[in-house]
């Protein structure tokens, strides 16, 4: 990701989520923590914190949710792993979220959220 893209993403996140966005630097990575993201109906819990890792050495952002998230069918999503990022445990899922450098980070979040509308 380009540095300008990361800067724009942070600006867009703050514009949409306001004070619910916390950012930190970890080497070449920018960590953006959203206090609460609404998930599709039936997911438990219905909202969750989300962490976005924005890295100039990566092609696209990486999205993480708090561990323990359940799909609307009550099952845990498949193909997940727990990672320590920024000193906290986060759930990473192997779901190819589409990304184009010129796309909005808000659209990326919507695609990540959509993963939980699936029942597998």
PDB file of N, CA and C in Angstrom:
ATOM      1  N   UNK A   1       0.850  -1.182   0.000  1.00  0.00           N
ATOM      2  CA  UNK A   1       0.000   0.000   0.000  1.00  0.00           C
ATOM      3  C   UNK A   1       0.888   1.235   0.000  1.00  0.00           C
ATOM      4  N   UNK A   2       0.434   2.228  -0.684  1.00  0.00           N
ATOM      5  CA  UNK A   2       1.170   3.492  -0.698  1.00  0.00           C
ATOM      6  C   UNK A   2       0.913   4.251   0.610  1.00  0.00           C
ATOM      7  N   UNK A   3       1.906   5.022   1.030  1.00  0.00           N
ATOM      8  CA  UNK A   3       1.772   5.823   2.250  1.00  0.00           C
ATOM      9  C   UNK A   3       0.585   6.776   2.142  1.00  0.00           C
ATOM     10  N   UNK A   4       0.369   7.342   0.964  1.00  0.00           N
ATOM     11  CA  UNK A   4      -0.765   8.271   0.775  1.00  0.00           C
ATOM     12  C   UNK A   4      -2.093   7.549   0.949  1.00  0.00           C
ATOM     13  N   UNK A   5      -2.153   6.296   0.500  1.00  0.00           N
ATOM     14  CA  UNK A   5      -3.377   5.502   0.639  1.00  0.00           C
ATOM     15  C   UNK A   5      -3.669   5.259   2.115  1.00  0.00           C
ATOM     16  N   UNK A   6      -2.635   4.968   2.887  1.00  0.00           N
ATOM     17  CA  UNK A   6      -2.805   4.737   4.322  1.00  0.00           C
ATOM     18  C   UNK A   6      -3.290   6.010   5.012  1.00  0.00           C
ATOM     19  N   UNK A   7      -2.699   7.137   4.667  1.00  0.00           N
ATOM     20  CA  UNK A   7      -3.118   8.417   5.254  1.00  0.00           C
ATOM     21  C   UNK A   7      -4.584   8.701   4.936  1.00  0.00           C
ATOM     22  N   UNK A   8      -4.981   8.472   3.682  1.00  0.00           N
ATOM     23  CA  UNK A   8      -6.377   8.696   3.276  1.00  0.00           C
ATOM     24  C   UNK A   8      -7.295   7.730   4.015  1.00  0.00           C
ATOM     25  N   UNK A   9      -6.874   6.491   4.169  1.00  0.00           N
ATOM     26  CA  UNK A   9      -7.691   5.505   4.878  1.00  0.00           C
ATOM     27  C   UNK A   9      -7.955   5.955   6.307  1.00  0.00           C
ATOM     28  N   UNK A  10      -6.929   6.438   6.991  1.00  0.00           N
ATOM     29  CA  UNK A  10      -7.092   6.909   8.371  1.00  0.00           C
ATOM     30  C   UNK A  10      -8.053   8.094   8.407  1.00  0.00           C
ATOM     31  N   UNK A  11      -7.895   9.024   7.478  1.00  0.00           N
ATOM     32  CA  UNK A  11      -8.795  10.181   7.402  1.00  0.00           C
ATOM     33  C   UNK A  11     -10.236   9.725   7.195  1.00  0.00           C
ATOM     34  N   UNK A  12     -10.441   8.757   6.294  1.00  0.00           N
ATOM     35  CA  UNK A  12     -11.787   8.245   6.022  1.00  0.00           C
ATOM     36  C   UNK A  12     -12.369   7.526   7.244  1.00  0.00           C
ATOM     37  N   UNK A  13     -11.536   6.743   7.931  1.00  0.00           N
ATOM     38  CA  UNK A  13     -12.002   6.039   9.123  1.00  0.00           C
ATOM     39  C   UNK A  13     -12.464   7.021  10.194  1.00  0.00           C
ATOM     40  N   UNK A  14     -11.676   8.051  10.426  1.00  0.00           N
ATOM     41  CA  UNK A  14     -12.034   9.058  11.432  1.00  0.00           C
ATOM     42  C   UNK A  14     -13.296   9.806  10.999  1.00  0.00           C
ATOM     43  N   UNK A  15     -13.433  10.051   9.714  1.00  0.00           N
ATOM     44  CA  UNK A  15     -14.611  10.732   9.203  1.00  0.00           C
ATOM     45  C   UNK A  15     -15.884   9.925   9.469  1.00  0.00           C
ATOM     46  N   UNK A  16     -15.812   8.613   9.324  1.00  0.00           N
ATOM     47  CA  UNK A  16     -16.984   7.752   9.495  1.00  0.00           C
ATOM     48  C   UNK A  16     -17.166   7.309  10.947  1.00  0.00           C
ATOM     49  N   UNK A  17     -16.078   6.914  11.610  1.00  0.00           N
ATOM     50  CA  UNK A  17     -16.167   6.342  12.956  1.00  0.00           C
ATOM     51  C   UNK A  17     -15.798   7.320  14.074  1.00  0.00           C
ATOM     52  N   UNK A  18     -15.313   8.492  13.721  1.00  0.00           N
ATOM     53  CA  UNK A  18     -15.009   9.527  14.700  1.00  0.00           C
ATOM     54  C   UNK A  18     -14.019   9.095  15.757  1.00  0.00           C
ATOM     55  N   UNK A  19     -14.344   9.419  17.008  1.00  0.00           N
ATOM     56  CA  UNK A  19     -13.464   9.135  18.125  1.00  0.00           C
ATOM     57  C   UNK A  19     -13.342   7.657  18.456  1.00  0.00           C
ATOM     58  N   UNK A  20     -14.080   6.799  17.741  1.00  0.00           N
ATOM     59  CA  UNK A  20     -14.007   5.358  17.977  1.00  0.00           C
ATOM     60  C   UNK A  20     -12.811   4.733  17.264  1.00  0.00           C
ATOM     61  N   UNK A  21     -11.965   5.561  16.645  1.00  0.00           N
ATOM     62  CA  UNK A  21     -10.784   5.072  15.931  1.00  0.00           C
ATOM     63  C   UNK A  21      -9.537   5.420  16.731  1.00  0.00           C
ATOM     64  N   UNK A  22      -8.739   4.395  17.003  1.00  0.00           N
ATOM     65  CA  UNK A  22      -7.434   4.615  17.630  1.00  0.00           C
ATOM     66  C   UNK A  22      -6.380   4.101  16.665  1.00  0.00           C
ATOM     67  N   UNK A  23      -5.301   4.854  16.536  1.00  0.00           N
ATOM     68  CA  UNK A  23      -4.237   4.421  15.632  1.00  0.00           C
ATOM     69  C   UNK A  23      -2.919   4.319  16.393  1.00  0.00           C
ATOM     70  N   UNK A  24      -2.061   3.463  15.869  1.00  0.00           N
ATOM     71  CA  UNK A  24      -0.727   3.293  16.431  1.00  0.00           C
ATOM     72  C   UNK A  24       0.199   2.844  15.312  1.00  0.00           C
ATOM     73  N   UNK A  25       1.475   3.095  15.490  1.00  0.00           N
ATOM     74  CA  UNK A  25       2.492   2.650  14.528  1.00  0.00           C
ATOM     75  C   UNK A  25       3.230   1.465  15.126  1.00  0.00           C
ATOM     76  N   UNK A  26       3.514   0.488  14.290  1.00  0.00           N
ATOM     77  CA  UNK A  26       4.277  -0.685  14.677  1.00  0.00           C
ATOM     78  C   UNK A  26       5.201  -0.993  13.501  1.00  0.00           C
ATOM     79  N   UNK A  27       6.404  -0.441  13.546  1.00  0.00           N
ATOM     80  CA  UNK A  27       7.324  -0.583  12.411  1.00  0.00           C
ATOM     81  C   UNK A  27       6.762   0.132  11.190  1.00  0.00           C
ATOM     82  N   UNK A  28       6.673  -0.576  10.081  1.00  0.00           N
ATOM     83  CA  UNK A  28       6.131   0.019   8.850  1.00  0.00           C
ATOM     84  C   UNK A  28       4.610  -0.042   8.812  1.00  0.00           C
ATOM     85  N   UNK A  29       4.012  -0.628   9.837  1.00  0.00           N
ATOM     86  CA  UNK A  29       2.563  -0.820   9.847  1.00  0.00           C
ATOM     87  C   UNK A  29       1.853   0.256  10.649  1.00  0.00           C
ATOM     88  N   UNK A  30       0.680   0.612  10.168  1.00  0.00           N
ATOM     89  CA  UNK A  30      -0.228   1.469  10.911  1.00  0.00           C
ATOM     90  C   UNK A  30      -1.376   0.587  11.350  1.00  0.00           C
ATOM     91  N   UNK A  31      -1.648   0.586  12.650  1.00  0.00           N
ATOM     92  CA  UNK A  31      -2.755  -0.178  13.195  1.00  0.00           C
ATOM     93  C   UNK A  31      -3.910   0.779  13.452  1.00  0.00           C
ATOM     94  N   UNK A  32      -5.061   0.457  12.920  1.00  0.00           N
ATOM     95  CA  UNK A  32      -6.256   1.274  13.134  1.00  0.00           C
ATOM     96  C   UNK A  32      -7.293   0.390  13.822  1.00  0.00           C
ATOM     97  N   UNK A  33      -7.618   0.738  15.057  1.00  0.00           N
ATOM     98  CA  UNK A  33      -8.573  -0.050  15.842  1.00  0.00           C
ATOM     99  C   UNK A  33      -9.895   0.693  15.886  1.00  0.00           C
ATOM    100  N   UNK A  34     -10.943   0.011  15.413  1.00  0.00           N
ATOM    101  CA  UNK A  34     -12.289   0.564  15.454  1.00  0.00           C
ATOM    102  C   UNK A  34     -12.976  -0.031  16.672  1.00  0.00           C
ATOM    103  N   UNK A  35     -13.523   0.804  17.531  1.00  0.00           N
ATOM    104  CA  UNK A  35     -14.125   0.335  18.778  1.00  0.00           C
ATOM    105  C   UNK A  35     -15.318  -0.578  18.533  1.00  0.00           C
ATOM    106  N   UNK A  36     -16.073  -0.316  17.469  1.00  0.00           N
ATOM    107  CA  UNK A  36     -17.280  -1.105  17.247  1.00  0.00           C
ATOM    108  C   UNK A  36     -17.659  -1.091  15.777  1.00  0.00           C
ATOM    109  N   UNK A  37     -17.813  -2.300  15.239  1.00  0.00           N
ATOM    110  CA  UNK A  37     -18.283  -2.479  13.868  1.00  0.00           C
ATOM    111  C   UNK A  37     -19.506  -3.383  13.941  1.00  0.00           C
ATOM    112  N   UNK A  38     -20.588  -2.971  13.292  1.00  0.00           N
ATOM    113  CA  UNK A  38     -21.812  -3.769  13.288  1.00  0.00           C
ATOM    114  C   UNK A  38     -21.664  -4.913  12.294  1.00  0.00           C
ATOM    115  N   UNK A  39     -22.073  -6.106  12.722  1.00  0.00           N
ATOM    116  CA  UNK A  39     -22.017  -7.282  11.870  1.00  0.00           C
ATOM    117  C   UNK A  39     -23.413  -7.614  11.356  1.00  0.00           C
ATOM    118  N   UNK A  40     -23.515  -8.474  10.350  1.00  0.00           N
ATOM    119  CA  UNK A  40     -24.829  -8.821   9.789  1.00  0.00           C
ATOM    120  C   UNK A  40     -25.778  -9.392  10.846  1.00  0.00           C
ATOM    121  N   UNK A  41     -27.080  -9.291  10.609  1.00  0.00           N
ATOM    122  CA  UNK A  41     -28.075  -9.788  11.564  1.00  0.00           C
ATOM    123  C   UNK A  41     -27.831 -11.256  11.923  1.00  0.00           C
ATOM    124  N   UNK A  42     -28.000 -11.565  13.201  1.00  0.00           N
ATOM    125  CA  UNK A  42     -27.851 -12.930  13.677  1.00  0.00           C
ATOM    126  C   UNK A  42     -26.471 -13.272  14.199  1.00  0.00           C
ATOM    127  N   UNK A  43     -25.467 -12.488  13.848  1.00  0.00           N
ATOM    128  CA  UNK A  43     -24.111 -12.746  14.346  1.00  0.00           C
ATOM    129  C   UNK A  43     -24.077 -12.451  15.839  1.00  0.00           C
ATOM    130  N   UNK A  44     -23.236 -13.197  16.545  1.00  0.00           N
ATOM    131  CA  UNK A  44     -23.120 -12.982  17.980  1.00  0.00           C
ATOM    132  C   UNK A  44     -21.663 -12.853  18.347  1.00  0.00           C
ATOM    133  N   UNK A  45     -21.292 -11.812  19.027  1.00  0.00           N
ATOM    134  CA  UNK A  45     -22.109 -10.629  19.317  1.00  0.00           C
ATOM    135  C   UNK A  45     -22.425  -9.854  18.036  1.00  0.00           C
ATOM    136  N   UNK A  46     -23.378  -8.959  18.136  1.00  0.00           N
ATOM    137  CA  UNK A  46     -23.833  -8.206  16.964  1.00  0.00           C
ATOM    138  C   UNK A  46     -22.840  -7.136  16.536  1.00  0.00           C
ATOM    139  N   UNK A  47     -21.985  -6.712  17.463  1.00  0.00           N
ATOM    140  CA  UNK A  47     -20.940  -5.737  17.156  1.00  0.00           C
ATOM    141  C   UNK A  47     -19.628  -6.262  17.711  1.00  0.00           C
ATOM    142  N   UNK A  48     -18.543  -5.777  17.139  1.00  0.00           N
ATOM    143  CA  UNK A  48     -17.225  -6.216  17.582  1.00  0.00           C
ATOM    144  C   UNK A  48     -16.193  -5.153  17.256  1.00  0.00           C
ATOM    145  N   UNK A  49     -15.142  -5.071  18.037  1.00  0.00           N
ATOM    146  CA  UNK A  49     -14.018  -4.238  17.624  1.00  0.00           C
ATOM    147  C   UNK A  49     -13.365  -4.849  16.371  1.00  0.00           C
ATOM    148  N   UNK A  50     -12.782  -4.017  15.556  1.00  0.00           N
ATOM    149  CA  UNK A  50     -12.068  -4.464  14.365  1.00  0.00           C
ATOM    150  C   UNK A  50     -10.714  -3.772  14.336  1.00  0.00           C
ATOM    151  N   UNK A  51      -9.707  -4.524  13.957  1.00  0.00           N
ATOM    152  CA  UNK A  51      -8.370  -3.980  13.795  1.00  0.00           C
ATOM    153  C   UNK A  51      -7.998  -4.082  12.325  1.00  0.00           C
ATOM    154  N   UNK A  52      -7.546  -2.987  11.776  1.00  0.00           N
ATOM    155  CA  UNK A  52      -7.049  -2.966  10.401  1.00  0.00           C
ATOM    156  C   UNK A  52      -5.553  -2.722  10.453  1.00  0.00           C
ATOM    157  N   UNK A  53      -4.814  -3.559   9.751  1.00  0.00           N
ATOM    158  CA  UNK A  53      -3.373  -3.386   9.646  1.00  0.00           C
ATOM    159  C   UNK A  53      -3.089  -2.852   8.251  1.00  0.00           C
ATOM    160  N   UNK A  54      -2.542  -1.656   8.210  1.00  0.00           N
ATOM    161  CA  UNK A  54      -2.219  -0.971   6.963  1.00  0.00           C
ATOM    162  C   UNK A  54      -0.701  -0.890   6.879  1.00  0.00           C
ATOM    163  N   UNK A  55      -0.130  -1.472   5.832  1.00  0.00           N
ATOM    164  CA  UNK A  55       1.319  -1.625   5.770  1.00  0.00           C
ATOM    165  C   UNK A  55       1.831  -1.238   4.387  1.00  0.00           C
ATOM    166  N   UNK A  56       2.827  -0.390   4.352  1.00  0.00           N
ATOM    167  CA  UNK A  56       3.418   0.006   3.062  1.00  0.00           C
ATOM    168  C   UNK A  56       4.114  -1.171   2.390  1.00  0.00           C
ATOM    169  N   UNK A  57       4.409  -2.223   3.136  1.00  0.00           N
ATOM    170  CA  UNK A  57       5.054  -3.410   2.563  1.00  0.00           C
ATOM    171  C   UNK A  57       4.030  -4.464   2.122  1.00  0.00           C
ATOM    172  N   UNK A  58       2.745  -4.167   2.262  1.00  0.00           N
ATOM    173  CA  UNK A  58       1.695  -5.120   1.895  1.00  0.00           C
ATOM    174  C   UNK A  58       0.872  -4.589   0.727  1.00  0.00           C
ATOM    175  N   UNK A  59       0.228  -5.503   0.029  1.00  0.00           N
ATOM    176  CA  UNK A  59      -0.607  -5.124  -1.108  1.00  0.00           C
ATOM    177  C   UNK A  59      -1.940  -4.513  -0.694  1.00  0.00           C
ATOM    178  N   UNK A  60      -2.463  -4.983   0.460  1.00  0.00           N
ATOM    179  CA  UNK A  60      -3.776  -4.518   0.894  1.00  0.00           C
ATOM    180  C   UNK A  60      -3.876  -4.593   2.408  1.00  0.00           C
ATOM    181  N   UNK A  61      -4.897  -3.971   2.981  1.00  0.00           N
ATOM    182  CA  UNK A  61      -5.094  -4.032   4.428  1.00  0.00           C
ATOM    183  C   UNK A  61      -5.407  -5.462   4.867  1.00  0.00           C
ATOM    184  N   UNK A  62      -5.202  -5.722   6.147  1.00  0.00           N
ATOM    185  CA  UNK A  62      -5.594  -6.990   6.751  1.00  0.00           C
ATOM    186  C   UNK A  62      -6.565  -6.647   7.875  1.00  0.00           C
ATOM    187  N   UNK A  63      -7.699  -7.346   7.884  1.00  0.00           N
ATOM    188  CA  UNK A  63      -8.730  -7.092   8.897  1.00  0.00           C
ATOM    189  C   UNK A  63      -8.728  -8.202   9.939  1.00  0.00           C
ATOM    190  N   UNK A  64      -8.902  -7.817  11.196  1.00  0.00           N
ATOM    191  CA  UNK A  64      -8.983  -8.745  12.314  1.00  0.00           C
ATOM    192  C   UNK A  64     -10.203  -8.388  13.152  1.00  0.00           C
ATOM    193  N   UNK A  65     -10.822  -9.400  13.772  1.00  0.00           N
ATOM    194  CA  UNK A  65     -11.908  -9.192  14.721  1.00  0.00           C
ATOM    195  C   UNK A  65     -11.517  -9.822  16.048  1.00  0.00           C
ATOM    196  N   UNK A  66     -12.246  -9.477  17.100  1.00  0.00           N
ATOM    197  CA  UNK A  66     -11.981 -10.123  18.377  1.00  0.00           C
ATOM    198  C   UNK A  66     -12.355 -11.594  18.280  1.00  0.00           C
ATOM    199  N   UNK A  67     -11.561 -12.474  18.892  1.00  0.00           N
ATOM    200  CA  UNK A  67     -11.890 -13.908  18.879  1.00  0.00           C
ATOM    201  C   UNK A  67     -13.236 -14.169  19.546  1.00  0.00           C
ATOM    202  N   UNK A  68     -13.880 -15.264  19.124  1.00  0.00           N
ATOM    203  CA  UNK A  68     -15.154 -15.650  19.721  1.00  0.00           C
ATOM    204  C   UNK A  68     -16.365 -15.246  18.906  1.00  0.00           C
ATOM    205  N   UNK A  69     -16.156 -14.607  17.797  1.00  0.00           N
ATOM    206  CA  UNK A  69     -17.270 -14.174  16.961  1.00  0.00           C
ATOM    207  C   UNK A  69     -17.976 -15.380  16.358  1.00  0.00           C
ATOM    208  N   UNK A  70     -19.304 -15.375  16.368  1.00  0.00           N
ATOM    209  CA  UNK A  70     -20.094 -16.455  15.791  1.00  0.00           C
ATOM    210  C   UNK A  70     -20.910 -15.963  14.608  1.00  0.00           C
ATOM    211  N   UNK A  71     -21.104 -16.846  13.642  1.00  0.00           N
ATOM    212  CA  UNK A  71     -21.949 -16.555  12.492  1.00  0.00           C
ATOM    213  C   UNK A  71     -23.412 -16.584  12.915  1.00  0.00           C
ATOM    214  N   UNK A  72     -24.300 -16.187  12.011  1.00  0.00           N
ATOM    215  CA  UNK A  72     -25.722 -16.156  12.349  1.00  0.00           C
ATOM    216  C   UNK A  72     -26.286 -17.548  12.629  1.00  0.00           C
ATOM    217  N   UNK A  73     -25.609 -18.619  12.166  1.00  0.00           N
ATOM    218  CA  UNK A  73     -26.076 -19.973  12.444  1.00  0.00           C
ATOM    219  C   UNK A  73     -25.564 -20.489  13.787  1.00  0.00           C
ATOM    220  N   UNK A  74     -24.860 -19.638  14.543  1.00  0.00           N
ATOM    221  CA  UNK A  74     -24.362 -20.006  15.860  1.00  0.00           C
ATOM    222  C   UNK A  74     -23.014 -20.703  15.849  1.00  0.00           C
ATOM    223  N   UNK A  75     -22.474 -20.955  14.680  1.00  0.00           N
ATOM    224  CA  UNK A  75     -21.182 -21.637  14.549  1.00  0.00           C
ATOM    225  C   UNK A  75     -20.046 -20.631  14.399  1.00  0.00           C
ATOM    226  N   UNK A  76     -18.877 -21.080  14.795  1.00  0.00           N
ATOM    227  CA  UNK A  76     -17.680 -20.256  14.575  1.00  0.00           C
ATOM    228  C   UNK A  76     -17.315 -20.309  13.092  1.00  0.00           C
ATOM    229  N   UNK A  77     -16.825 -19.202  12.537  1.00  0.00           N
ATOM    230  CA  UNK A  77     -16.413 -19.228  11.133  1.00  0.00           C
ATOM    231  C   UNK A  77     -15.240 -20.186  10.947  1.00  0.00           C
ATOM    232  N   UNK A  78     -15.200 -20.836   9.791  1.00  0.00           N
ATOM    233  CA  UNK A  78     -14.097 -21.745   9.487  1.00  0.00           C
ATOM    234  C   UNK A  78     -12.893 -20.963   8.998  1.00  0.00           C
ATOM    235  N   UNK A  79     -11.769 -21.620   8.987  1.00  0.00           N
ATOM    236  CA  UNK A  79     -10.519 -21.066   8.452  1.00  0.00           C
ATOM    237  C   UNK A  79     -10.117 -19.769   9.138  1.00  0.00           C
ATOM    238  N   UNK A  80     -10.097 -19.810  10.457  1.00  0.00           N
ATOM    239  CA  UNK A  80      -9.649 -18.649  11.225  1.00  0.00           C
ATOM    240  C   UNK A  80      -8.432 -19.050  12.053  1.00  0.00           C
ATOM    241  N   UNK A  81      -7.713 -18.055  12.488  1.00  0.00           N
ATOM    242  CA  UNK A  81      -6.592 -18.281  13.395  1.00  0.00           C
ATOM    243  C   UNK A  81      -6.502 -17.081  14.322  1.00  0.00           C
ATOM    244  N   UNK A  82      -5.904 -17.300  15.473  1.00  0.00           N
ATOM    245  CA  UNK A  82      -5.722 -16.205  16.422  1.00  0.00           C
ATOM    246  C   UNK A  82      -4.288 -15.702  16.306  1.00  0.00           C
ATOM    247  N   UNK A  83      -4.158 -14.401  16.185  1.00  0.00           N
ATOM    248  CA  UNK A  83      -2.858 -13.741  16.053  1.00  0.00           C
ATOM    249  C   UNK A  83      -2.732 -12.680  17.149  1.00  0.00           C
ATOM    250  N   UNK A  84      -1.514 -12.447  17.581  1.00  0.00           N
ATOM    251  CA  UNK A  84      -1.249 -11.332  18.492  1.00  0.00           C
ATOM    252  C   UNK A  84      -0.805 -10.158  17.624  1.00  0.00           C
ATOM    253  N   UNK A  85      -1.555  -9.081  17.685  1.00  0.00           N
ATOM    254  CA  UNK A  85      -1.228  -7.872  16.929  1.00  0.00           C
ATOM    255  C   UNK A  85      -1.384  -6.695  17.869  1.00  0.00           C
ATOM    256  N   UNK A  86      -0.371  -5.874  17.954  1.00  0.00           N
ATOM    257  CA  UNK A  86      -0.437  -4.714  18.829  1.00  0.00           C
ATOM    258  C   UNK A  86      -0.642  -5.094  20.287  1.00  0.00           C
ATOM    259  N   UNK A  87      -0.180  -6.271  20.668  1.00  0.00           N
ATOM    260  CA  UNK A  87      -0.279  -6.710  22.055  1.00  0.00           C
ATOM    261  C   UNK A  87      -1.615  -7.316  22.444  1.00  0.00           C
ATOM    262  N   UNK A  88      -2.539  -7.498  21.497  1.00  0.00           N
ATOM    263  CA  UNK A  88      -3.850  -8.080  21.773  1.00  0.00           C
ATOM    264  C   UNK A  88      -4.076  -9.296  20.883  1.00  0.00           C
ATOM    265  N   UNK A  89      -4.935 -10.205  21.330  1.00  0.00           N
ATOM    266  CA  UNK A  89      -5.330 -11.348  20.513  1.00  0.00           C
ATOM    267  C   UNK A  89      -6.432 -10.927  19.548  1.00  0.00           C
ATOM    268  N   UNK A  90      -6.270 -11.322  18.298  1.00  0.00           N
ATOM    269  CA  UNK A  90      -7.244 -10.996  17.252  1.00  0.00           C
ATOM    270  C   UNK A  90      -7.500 -12.224  16.397  1.00  0.00           C
ATOM    271  N   UNK A  91      -8.713 -12.336  15.868  1.00  0.00           N
ATOM    272  CA  UNK A  91      -9.066 -13.417  14.969  1.00  0.00           C
ATOM    273  C   UNK A  91      -8.833 -12.960  13.534  1.00  0.00           C
ATOM    274  N   UNK A  92      -8.032 -13.745  12.833  1.00  0.00           N
ATOM    275  CA  UNK A  92      -7.800 -13.490  11.417  1.00  0.00           C
ATOM    276  C   UNK A  92      -8.536 -14.580  10.649  1.00  0.00           C
ATOM    277  N   UNK A  93      -9.162 -14.218   9.567  1.00  0.00           N
ATOM    278  CA  UNK A  93      -9.873 -15.210   8.780  1.00  0.00           C
ATOM    279  C   UNK A  93      -9.317 -15.234   7.363  1.00  0.00           C
ATOM    280  N   UNK A  94      -9.266 -16.440   6.806  1.00  0.00           N
ATOM    281  CA  UNK A  94      -8.733 -16.576   5.453  1.00  0.00           C
ATOM    282  C   UNK A  94      -9.881 -16.381   4.465  1.00  0.00           C
ATOM    283  N   UNK A  95     -10.146 -15.155   4.202  1.00  0.00           N
ATOM    284  CA  UNK A  95     -11.200 -14.757   3.289  1.00  0.00           C
ATOM    285  C   UNK A  95     -10.579 -13.685   2.420  1.00  0.00           C
ATOM    286  N   UNK A  96     -10.569 -13.901   1.131  1.00  0.00           N
ATOM    287  CA  UNK A  96      -9.945 -12.947   0.224  1.00  0.00           C
ATOM    288  C   UNK A  96     -10.854 -11.736   0.039  1.00  0.00           C
ATOM    289  N   UNK A  97     -10.542 -10.683   0.735  1.00  0.00           N
ATOM    290  CA  UNK A  97     -11.324  -9.453   0.638  1.00  0.00           C
ATOM    291  C   UNK A  97     -10.785  -8.649  -0.538  1.00  0.00           C
ATOM    292  N   UNK A  98     -11.641  -8.366  -1.502  1.00  0.00           N
ATOM    293  CA  UNK A  98     -11.181  -7.596  -2.666  1.00  0.00           C
ATOM    294  C   UNK A  98     -10.650  -6.229  -2.249  1.00  0.00           C
ATOM    295  N   UNK A  99      -9.614  -5.771  -2.942  1.00  0.00           N
ATOM    296  CA  UNK A  99      -9.022  -4.473  -2.633  1.00  0.00           C
ATOM    297  C   UNK A  99      -8.375  -3.890  -3.879  1.00  0.00           C
ATOM    298  N   UNK A 100      -8.601  -2.637  -4.093  1.00  0.00           N
ATOM    299  CA  UNK A 100      -7.909  -1.862  -5.117  1.00  0.00           C
ATOM    300  C   UNK A 100      -7.369  -0.625  -4.418  1.00  0.00           C
ATOM    301  N   UNK A 101      -6.167  -0.243  -4.756  1.00  0.00           N
ATOM    302  CA  UNK A 101      -5.490   0.871  -4.078  1.00  0.00           C
ATOM    303  C   UNK A 101      -6.353   2.129  -4.032  1.00  0.00           C
ATOM    304  N   UNK A 102      -7.133   2.358  -5.076  1.00  0.00           N
ATOM    305  CA  UNK A 102      -7.951   3.578  -5.128  1.00  0.00           C
ATOM    306  C   UNK A 102      -9.301   3.424  -4.414  1.00  0.00           C
ATOM    307  N   UNK A 103      -9.605   2.228  -3.932  1.00  0.00           N
ATOM    308  CA  UNK A 103     -10.888   1.979  -3.264  1.00  0.00           C
ATOM    309  C   UNK A 103     -10.891   2.561  -1.849  1.00  0.00           C
ATOM    310  N   UNK A 104     -12.069   2.790  -1.353  1.00  0.00           N
ATOM    311  CA  UNK A 104     -12.227   3.328   0.000  1.00  0.00           C
ATOM    312  C   UNK A 104     -12.030   2.226   1.041  1.00  0.00           C
ATOM    313  N   UNK A 105     -11.404   2.570   2.142  1.00  0.00           N
ATOM    314  CA  UNK A 105     -11.239   1.629   3.253  1.00  0.00           C
ATOM    315  C   UNK A 105     -12.605   1.257   3.830  1.00  0.00           C
ATOM    316  N   UNK A 106     -13.581   2.130   3.705  1.00  0.00           N
ATOM    317  CA  UNK A 106     -14.929   1.852   4.200  1.00  0.00           C
ATOM    318  C   UNK A 106     -15.549   0.710   3.388  1.00  0.00           C
ATOM    319  N   UNK A 107     -15.280   0.678   2.117  1.00  0.00           N
ATOM    320  CA  UNK A 107     -15.754  -0.422   1.260  1.00  0.00           C
ATOM    321  C   UNK A 107     -15.067  -1.730   1.658  1.00  0.00           C
ATOM    322  N   UNK A 108     -13.793  -1.665   1.996  1.00  0.00           N
ATOM    323  CA  UNK A 108     -13.050  -2.842   2.446  1.00  0.00           C
ATOM    324  C   UNK A 108     -13.670  -3.401   3.731  1.00  0.00           C
ATOM    325  N   UNK A 109     -14.016  -2.515   4.662  1.00  0.00           N
ATOM    326  CA  UNK A 109     -14.652  -2.939   5.913  1.00  0.00           C
ATOM    327  C   UNK A 109     -15.994  -3.607   5.622  1.00  0.00           C
ATOM    328  N   UNK A 110     -16.758  -3.041   4.705  1.00  0.00           N
ATOM    329  CA  UNK A 110     -18.051  -3.635   4.337  1.00  0.00           C
ATOM    330  C   UNK A 110     -17.857  -5.050   3.796  1.00  0.00           C
ATOM    331  N   UNK A 111     -16.839  -5.248   2.982  1.00  0.00           N
ATOM    332  CA  UNK A 111     -16.559  -6.587   2.441  1.00  0.00           C
ATOM    333  C   UNK A 111     -16.131  -7.544   3.542  1.00  0.00           C
ATOM    334  N   UNK A 112     -15.348  -7.075   4.497  1.00  0.00           N
ATOM    335  CA  UNK A 112     -14.918  -7.911   5.623  1.00  0.00           C
ATOM    336  C   UNK A 112     -16.126  -8.300   6.472  1.00  0.00           C
ATOM    337  N   UNK A 113     -17.002  -7.372   6.726  1.00  0.00           N
ATOM    338  CA  UNK A 113     -18.213  -7.638   7.505  1.00  0.00           C
ATOM    339  C   UNK A 113     -19.088  -8.672   6.795  1.00  0.00           C
ATOM    340  N   UNK A 114     -19.146  -8.588   5.471  1.00  0.00           N
ATOM    341  CA  UNK A 114     -19.976  -9.478   4.672  1.00  0.00           C
ATOM    342  C   UNK A 114     -19.581 -10.944   4.866  1.00  0.00           C
ATOM    343  N   UNK A 115     -18.320 -11.187   5.188  1.00  0.00           N
ATOM    344  CA  UNK A 115     -17.847 -12.556   5.435  1.00  0.00           C
ATOM    345  C   UNK A 115     -18.709 -13.233   6.503  1.00  0.00           C
ATOM    346  N   UNK A 116     -19.205 -12.472   7.459  1.00  0.00           N
ATOM    347  CA  UNK A 116     -19.967 -13.036   8.550  1.00  0.00           C
ATOM    348  C   UNK A 116     -21.435 -13.227   8.219  1.00  0.00           C
ATOM    349  N   UNK A 117     -21.863 -12.804   7.044  1.00  0.00           N
ATOM    350  CA  UNK A 117     -23.218 -13.072   6.574  1.00  0.00           C
ATOM    351  C   UNK A 117     -23.292 -14.492   6.010  1.00  0.00           C
ATOM    352  N   UNK A 118     -22.129 -15.090   5.733  1.00  0.00           N
ATOM    353  CA  UNK A 118     -22.080 -16.462   5.218  1.00  0.00           C
ATOM    354  C   UNK A 118     -22.185 -17.431   6.381  1.00  0.00           C
ATOM    355  N   UNK A 119     -22.766 -18.552   6.146  1.00  0.00           N
ATOM    356  CA  UNK A 119     -22.930 -19.536   7.220  1.00  0.00           C
ATOM    357  C   UNK A 119     -21.931 -20.682   7.116  1.00  0.00           C
ATOM    358  N   UNK A 120     -20.690 -20.361   6.799  1.00  0.00           N
ATOM    359  CA  UNK A 120     -19.640 -21.398   6.812  1.00  0.00           C
ATOM    360  C   UNK A 120     -18.329 -20.816   7.237  1.00  0.00           C
TER     361      UNK A 120
END
